[in-house]
Protein backbone atom coordinates (compact mmCIF):
# COMPACT_ATOMS: atom_id res chain seq x y z
CA MET A 1 -0.67 -14.30 13.49
CA PRO A 2 -0.44 -12.71 10.40
CA LEU A 3 -1.68 -9.26 9.80
CA SER A 4 -3.64 -8.09 7.08
CA VAL A 5 -4.11 -4.60 5.66
CA PHE A 6 -6.62 -3.18 3.33
CA ALA A 7 -5.42 0.25 2.17
CA THR A 8 -7.34 2.65 0.00
CA ILE A 9 -5.53 5.40 -2.03
CA THR A 10 -7.42 8.19 -3.22
CA PRO A 11 -5.39 9.95 -5.81
CA LYS A 12 -6.34 13.26 -7.71
CA PRO A 13 -7.43 12.29 -11.16
CA GLU A 14 -4.60 13.59 -12.93
CA HIS A 15 -2.32 11.61 -10.74
CA LEU A 16 -3.80 8.20 -10.95
CA SER A 17 -1.25 6.95 -13.35
CA ASP A 18 1.51 8.39 -11.12
CA ALA A 19 0.23 6.68 -8.05
CA LYS A 20 -0.19 3.40 -9.54
CA ALA A 21 3.28 3.49 -11.25
CA ALA A 22 4.87 4.41 -7.76
CA VAL A 23 3.36 1.37 -6.18
CA LYS A 24 4.06 -0.59 -9.05
CA SER A 25 7.85 0.61 -8.73
CA ILE A 26 8.19 -0.71 -5.13
CA MET A 27 6.15 -3.97 -5.23
CA ALA A 28 9.24 -6.40 -6.09
CA ASP A 29 11.08 -4.78 -3.24
CA THR A 30 7.97 -4.95 -1.05
CA ARG A 31 7.45 -8.60 -1.69
CA ALA A 32 11.02 -9.43 -1.08
CA GLU A 33 10.77 -8.09 2.46
CA GLU A 34 11.38 -10.86 5.16
CA GLY A 35 7.76 -10.35 6.96
CA CYS A 36 5.96 -9.76 3.70
CA ILE A 37 3.35 -12.56 2.75
CA GLN A 38 1.24 -11.03 0.17
CA PHE A 39 1.22 -7.41 -1.51
CA GLU A 40 -1.15 -6.99 -4.29
CA LEU A 41 -2.37 -3.83 -5.97
CA HIS A 42 -5.83 -3.32 -7.40
CA GLU A 43 -7.85 -0.85 -9.08
CA SER A 44 -11.28 -0.04 -8.29
CA ALA A 45 -13.88 -0.59 -10.84
CA GLU A 46 -16.14 2.00 -10.06
CA ALA A 47 -13.87 5.07 -9.17
CA GLU A 48 -10.36 6.50 -9.48
CA ARG A 49 -8.94 4.79 -6.43
CA LEU A 50 -6.18 2.13 -5.83
CA HIS A 51 -6.51 -0.77 -3.15
CA LEU A 52 -3.69 -2.50 -1.77
CA TYR A 53 -4.20 -5.82 -0.02
CA GLU A 54 -1.37 -6.67 2.18
CA VAL A 55 -0.41 -9.75 4.55
CA TRP A 56 2.32 -9.21 6.78
CA ALA A 57 4.04 -11.54 9.46
CA ASP A 58 2.99 -9.30 12.22
CA ARG A 59 2.70 -5.60 13.16
CA ASP A 60 6.74 -5.28 13.21
CA ALA A 61 6.99 -6.34 9.61
CA PHE A 62 4.33 -3.80 8.64
CA ASP A 63 6.22 -1.06 10.82
CA ALA A 64 9.64 -2.07 8.80
CA HIS A 65 8.06 -1.72 5.44
CA HIS A 66 6.67 1.62 6.11
CA ALA A 67 10.25 2.48 7.57
CA GLN A 68 12.00 1.56 4.10
CA PRO A 69 13.39 4.48 1.94
CA TYR A 70 11.40 3.43 -1.05
CA THR A 71 8.06 3.34 0.95
CA GLN A 72 8.81 6.34 2.32
CA ALA A 73 9.38 8.07 -1.04
CA VAL A 74 6.02 6.87 -2.25
CA TYR A 75 4.33 8.47 0.70
CA LYS A 76 6.34 11.83 0.16
CA GLN A 77 4.87 11.92 -3.32
CA TYR A 78 1.73 11.13 -2.22
CA GLU A 79 1.84 14.65 -0.44
CA ALA A 80 1.23 16.25 -3.64
CA TRP A 81 -0.74 13.51 -5.53
CA LEU A 82 -3.46 12.48 -3.01
CA ALA A 83 -7.17 13.70 -2.53
CA ALA A 84 -7.43 12.19 0.82
CA PRO A 85 -5.07 10.47 3.25
CA VAL A 86 -4.22 6.84 2.53
CA GLU A 87 -6.76 4.70 4.44
CA LEU A 88 -5.73 1.80 6.22
CA VAL A 89 -8.04 -1.19 7.42
CA PHE A 90 -6.24 -3.97 10.03
CA MET A 91 -7.69 -7.19 10.05
CA ARG A 92 -6.78 -10.88 11.59
CA PRO A 93 -7.79 -13.99 10.45
CA VAL A 94 -11.05 -15.12 12.26
CA ALA A 95 -11.90 -18.30 10.52
């Protein structure tokens, strides 16, 4: 059963464009991963937040994505850029 993930990324205001560029830089590689079904970046209309909507074949595919060097590099940059930790909500289809 596919695993959907909703991630909220809250960068410090001065790092919003940096965070956005970092995610954009890994989108092609992420979408090419075997277990990636969907990987979409959105920006909040009312606040300086980024949101990722991701769908993975399963939890193993999601975990494999987070083990990729390019994903780890983004998270390393987040250490200085984020105002709060990345929030992850894991979802499964109901209907």
